[in-house]
Amino acid sequence: MQETICPVCRSESFKFYKPYSGRSILFQNKSIVICSDCVLSYMSPVPTADQLNDYYVNGSYWGVSIEGGANRLVYHHRAAARWEFIKTNMKISDSLTVLDIGAGFGSLEVVIKEDFHGRLDLCALEFDFRARASLERLDVDCQDSIESWQGKKFDLIVMSHVLEHIRNPTDYLQSLINY
């Protein structure tokens, strides 16, 4: 097995959990391990930056587009539950600026637009060009680089099922303080 370093705490101490058994080409021939120090479960070896970029550019992580079909309802219900959690745990004023990192096709944005009646500024960071097109149809300011919003402050930054896809999540989270 290649060198394995926890992407959160940088520990080299881990225990094998199980081989990856899903369908994603990116994770074929990899294992799931658990960090002995912070107990994060992660893929080993961690994909390289180039491998992650190829994975997102070709859209293979979606499997089937969620713009239609049965998956749309599932994603909508998950987004509605996420929004309810946010409203329950965050004081929201009559003005809200949101950045959704890894927004996908905009399920959360649809739910927020349906429910929030104040001044709303929705932004999304999304690498997949098909998902960006969907977000743009929803009137969301969608970019593929966070630097596009340099100097902008957000009331809420949402990252759902994103950290596990980031090569250095601790550094990435630290960088979000500027937004």
Foldseek 3Di string as FASTA:
>chain_A
DPQAADLEPRDSAWAFDAQDDDDDPLRPPWTWIAHPPPRDTAIPPQDDPVSLLVCQAVVVVVVDACPDDDNVVVLLVVLLVVVVVCVVPDDDDLAFEEEEEQCFQPSNVVNCVVPRDHHYAAEYAGSYPVSQVNVVVVVHNYDPDPCVQQPDDGPYYHYDPHQNSDSNSVVVVVVNVRD
